[in-house]
Amino acid sequence: VQLQASGGGLVQAGGSLRLSCAASGGIFAFLSMGWYRQTPGKERELVASISSTSSTNYKDSVKGRFTISRDNAKRTVDLQMDSLKPDDTAVYLCAAGGNWLRPSTYWGQGTQVTVSS
């Protein structure tokens, strides 16, 4: 499974961004999918994940602001990020496969999200 993330960028606090991860290979409909983020000096942390049946799981600090969704026909998983805060600044990575609460079998490259105050 190969994963290609896109959609990062620079946004002001309070703004929105939408990340997208396109998967190739594997049977996408069966894959758990997730978004992680990482900042220098900190551990990688799970932001949101979605199961093959579209159950969702979120990091507490993004609940109500971020929404993860999947489109099995397009083989994509999106992360809609609203009300962004400077603390959301990080490299965001897409992952797939394994336990749906923490997908981590396959990894894509990161996409930078920078939120200015």
C-alpha atoms as a PDB file:
ATOM      1  CA  VAL A   1       0.000   0.000   0.000  1.00  0.00           C
ATOM      2  CA  GLN A   2       1.347   3.405  -0.964  1.00  0.00           C
ATOM      3  CA  LEU A   3      -0.002   6.579   0.585  1.00  0.00           C
ATOM      4  CA  GLN A   4       0.251  10.097  -0.809  1.00  0.00           C
ATOM      5  CA  ALA A   5      -0.735  13.003   1.425  1.00  0.00           C
ATOM      6  CA  SER A   6      -1.558  16.499   0.213  1.00  0.00           C
ATOM      7  CA  GLY A   7      -3.273  19.693   1.296  1.00  0.00           C
ATOM      8  CA  GLY A   8      -0.964  21.191   3.874  1.00  0.00           C
ATOM      9  CA  GLY A   9      -0.077  24.853   3.945  1.00  0.00           C
ATOM     10  CA  LEU A  10       0.018  28.079   5.909  1.00  0.00           C
ATOM     11  CA  VAL A  11      -3.158  29.403   7.497  1.00  0.00           C
ATOM     12  CA  GLN A  12      -4.045  31.974  10.113  1.00  0.00           C
ATOM     13  CA  ALA A  13      -5.432  30.922  13.470  1.00  0.00           C
ATOM     14  CA  GLY A  14      -9.139  30.264  13.189  1.00  0.00           C
ATOM     15  CA  GLY A  15      -8.838  29.195   9.586  1.00  0.00           C
ATOM     16  CA  SER A  16      -9.379  25.855   7.914  1.00  0.00           C
ATOM     17  CA  LEU A  17      -7.405  23.347   5.877  1.00  0.00           C
ATOM     18  CA  ARG A  18      -8.342  20.045   4.329  1.00  0.00           C
ATOM     19  CA  LEU A  19      -5.772  17.266   4.071  1.00  0.00           C
ATOM     20  CA  SER A  20      -6.216  14.363   1.713  1.00  0.00           C
ATOM     21  CA  CYS A  21      -4.482  10.997   1.561  1.00  0.00           C
ATOM     22  CA  ALA A  22      -4.725   8.862  -1.572  1.00  0.00           C
ATOM     23  CA  ALA A  23      -3.990   5.153  -1.303  1.00  0.00           C
ATOM     24  CA  SER A  24      -2.854   2.784  -4.018  1.00  0.00           C
ATOM     25  CA  GLY A  25      -2.533  -0.969  -3.720  1.00  0.00           C
ATOM     26  CA  GLY A  26      -4.350  -3.150  -1.245  1.00  0.00           C
ATOM     27  CA  ILE A  27      -8.086  -3.358  -0.729  1.00  0.00           C
ATOM     28  CA  PHE A  28      -8.823   0.148   0.456  1.00  0.00           C
ATOM     29  CA  ALA A  29     -12.285  -0.614   1.804  1.00  0.00           C
ATOM     30  CA  PHE A  30     -10.764  -3.036   4.313  1.00  0.00           C
ATOM     31  CA  LEU A  31      -8.054  -0.678   5.541  1.00  0.00           C
ATOM     32  CA  SER A  32      -8.163   1.287   8.744  1.00  0.00           C
ATOM     33  CA  MET A  33      -6.825   4.799   8.082  1.00  0.00           C
ATOM     34  CA  GLY A  34      -5.431   7.531  10.240  1.00  0.00           C
ATOM     35  CA  TRP A  35      -3.726  10.883  10.492  1.00  0.00           C
ATOM     36  CA  TYR A  36      -0.837  11.548  12.832  1.00  0.00           C
ATOM     37  CA  ARG A  37       1.203  14.655  13.458  1.00  0.00           C
ATOM     38  CA  GLN A  38       4.713  15.304  14.609  1.00  0.00           C
ATOM     39  CA  THR A  39       6.679  18.329  15.748  1.00  0.00           C
ATOM     40  CA  PRO A  40      10.425  18.486  16.451  1.00  0.00           C
ATOM     41  CA  GLY A  41      11.315  17.065  19.838  1.00  0.00           C
ATOM     42  CA  LYS A  42       7.904  15.500  20.401  1.00  0.00           C
ATOM     43  CA  GLU A  43       6.537  12.044  19.869  1.00  0.00           C
ATOM     44  CA  ARG A  44       4.322  11.373  16.917  1.00  0.00           C
ATOM     45  CA  GLU A  45       0.705  11.562  18.017  1.00  0.00           C
ATOM     46  CA  LEU A  46      -2.496  10.211  16.563  1.00  0.00           C
ATOM     47  CA  VAL A  47      -4.878  12.956  15.504  1.00  0.00           C
ATOM     48  CA  ALA A  48      -7.764  10.933  14.103  1.00  0.00           C
ATOM     49  CA  SER A  49      -8.508   7.485  12.770  1.00  0.00           C
ATOM     50  CA  ILE A  50     -11.311   5.798  10.898  1.00  0.00           C
ATOM     51  CA  SER A  51     -12.169   2.130  10.647  1.00  0.00           C
ATOM     52  CA  SER A  52     -13.212   0.176   7.576  1.00  0.00           C
ATOM     53  CA  THR A  53     -16.809   0.634   8.735  1.00  0.00           C
ATOM     54  CA  SER A  54     -16.282   4.402   9.239  1.00  0.00           C
ATOM     55  CA  SER A  55     -16.146   4.422  13.020  1.00  0.00           C
ATOM     56  CA  THR A  56     -14.044   7.410  14.046  1.00  0.00           C
ATOM     57  CA  ASN A  57     -11.646   8.249  16.840  1.00  0.00           C
ATOM     58  CA  TYR A  58     -10.111  11.640  17.690  1.00  0.00           C
ATOM     59  CA  LYS A  59      -7.448  13.095  19.888  1.00  0.00           C
ATOM     60  CA  ASP A  60      -9.217  15.029  22.631  1.00  0.00           C
ATOM     61  CA  SER A  61      -7.739  18.389  21.661  1.00  0.00           C
ATOM     62  CA  VAL A  62      -9.151  18.225  18.113  1.00  0.00           C
ATOM     63  CA  LYS A  63     -12.626  16.924  18.898  1.00  0.00           C
ATOM     64  CA  GLY A  64     -15.243  19.259  17.495  1.00  0.00           C
ATOM     65  CA  ARG A  65     -12.703  20.945  15.214  1.00  0.00           C
ATOM     66  CA  PHE A  66     -11.370  18.139  12.990  1.00  0.00           C
ATOM     67  CA  THR A  67     -13.346  15.638  10.959  1.00  0.00           C
ATOM     68  CA  ILE A  68     -11.944  12.510   9.356  1.00  0.00           C
ATOM     69  CA  SER A  69     -13.784  10.887   6.473  1.00  0.00           C
ATOM     70  CA  ARG A  70     -13.156   8.294   3.821  1.00  0.00           C
ATOM     71  CA  ASP A  71     -14.277   7.729   0.259  1.00  0.00           C
ATOM     72  CA  ASN A  72     -13.788   4.107  -0.684  1.00  0.00           C
ATOM     73  CA  ALA A  73     -14.606   4.722  -4.350  1.00  0.00           C
ATOM     74  CA  LYS A  74     -11.858   7.351  -4.614  1.00  0.00           C
ATOM     75  CA  ARG A  75      -9.546   5.499  -2.226  1.00  0.00           C
ATOM     76  CA  THR A  76      -9.002   8.611  -0.162  1.00  0.00           C
ATOM     77  CA  VAL A  77      -9.188   9.657   3.454  1.00  0.00           C
ATOM     78  CA  ASP A  78      -9.574  13.332   4.274  1.00  0.00           C
ATOM     79  CA  LEU A  79      -8.994  15.367   7.403  1.00  0.00           C
ATOM     80  CA  GLN A  80     -11.039  18.560   7.543  1.00  0.00           C
ATOM     81  CA  MET A  81      -9.421  20.890  10.050  1.00  0.00           C
ATOM     82  CA  ASP A  82     -11.423  23.894  11.247  1.00  0.00           C
ATOM     83  CA  SER A  83     -10.787  26.511  13.937  1.00  0.00           C
ATOM     84  CA  LEU A  84      -7.079  25.864  13.624  1.00  0.00           C
ATOM     85  CA  LYS A  85      -4.764  26.929  16.415  1.00  0.00           C
ATOM     86  CA  PRO A  86      -1.015  27.589  16.429  1.00  0.00           C
ATOM     87  CA  ASP A  87      -0.620  24.398  18.506  1.00  0.00           C
ATOM     88  CA  ASP A  88      -1.896  22.450  15.485  1.00  0.00           C
ATOM     89  CA  THR A  89       1.291  23.339  13.619  1.00  0.00           C
ATOM     90  CA  ALA A  90       3.055  20.101  12.694  1.00  0.00           C
ATOM     91  CA  VAL A  91       3.925  17.708   9.931  1.00  0.00           C
ATOM     92  CA  TYR A  92       0.829  15.605   9.334  1.00  0.00           C
ATOM     93  CA  LEU A  93       1.259  12.012   8.200  1.00  0.00           C
ATOM     94  CA  CYS A  94      -1.213   9.553   6.775  1.00  0.00           C
ATOM     95  CA  ALA A  95      -1.140   5.937   7.906  1.00  0.00           C
ATOM     96  CA  ALA A  96      -3.063   2.783   7.116  1.00  0.00           C
ATOM     97  CA  GLY A  97      -3.590  -0.767   8.264  1.00  0.00           C
ATOM     98  CA  GLY A  98      -3.634  -2.550  11.604  1.00  0.00           C
ATOM     99  CA  ASN A  99      -5.748  -1.722  14.642  1.00  0.00           C
ATOM    100  CA  TRP A 100      -8.206   0.965  13.601  1.00  0.00           C
ATOM    101  CA  LEU A 101      -7.601   2.923  16.808  1.00  0.00           C
ATOM    102  CA  ARG A 102      -3.969   3.304  15.824  1.00  0.00           C
ATOM    103  CA  PRO A 103      -3.351   2.449  12.156  1.00  0.00           C
ATOM    104  CA  SER A 104       0.366   2.109  11.562  1.00  0.00           C
ATOM    105  CA  THR A 105       1.241  -0.638   9.084  1.00  0.00           C
ATOM    106  CA  TYR A 106       1.793   1.673   6.128  1.00  0.00           C
ATOM    107  CA  TRP A 107       2.953   5.282   6.130  1.00  0.00           C
ATOM    108  CA  GLY A 108       2.869   8.119   3.668  1.00  0.00           C
ATOM    109  CA  GLN A 109       5.120  11.139   3.539  1.00  0.00           C
ATOM    110  CA  GLY A 110       4.229  14.122   5.660  1.00  0.00           C
ATOM    111  CA  THR A 111       2.586  17.368   4.721  1.00  0.00           C
ATOM    112  CA  GLN A 112       3.387  20.545   6.628  1.00  0.00           C
ATOM    113  CA  VAL A 113       0.619  22.471   8.348  1.00  0.00           C
ATOM    114  CA  THR A 114       1.560  25.840   9.798  1.00  0.00           C
ATOM    115  CA  VAL A 115      -0.924  27.932  11.749  1.00  0.00           C
ATOM    116  CA  SER A 116       0.099  31.512  12.391  1.00  0.00           C
ATOM    117  CA  SER A 117      -1.180  33.508  15.342  1.00  0.00           C
END
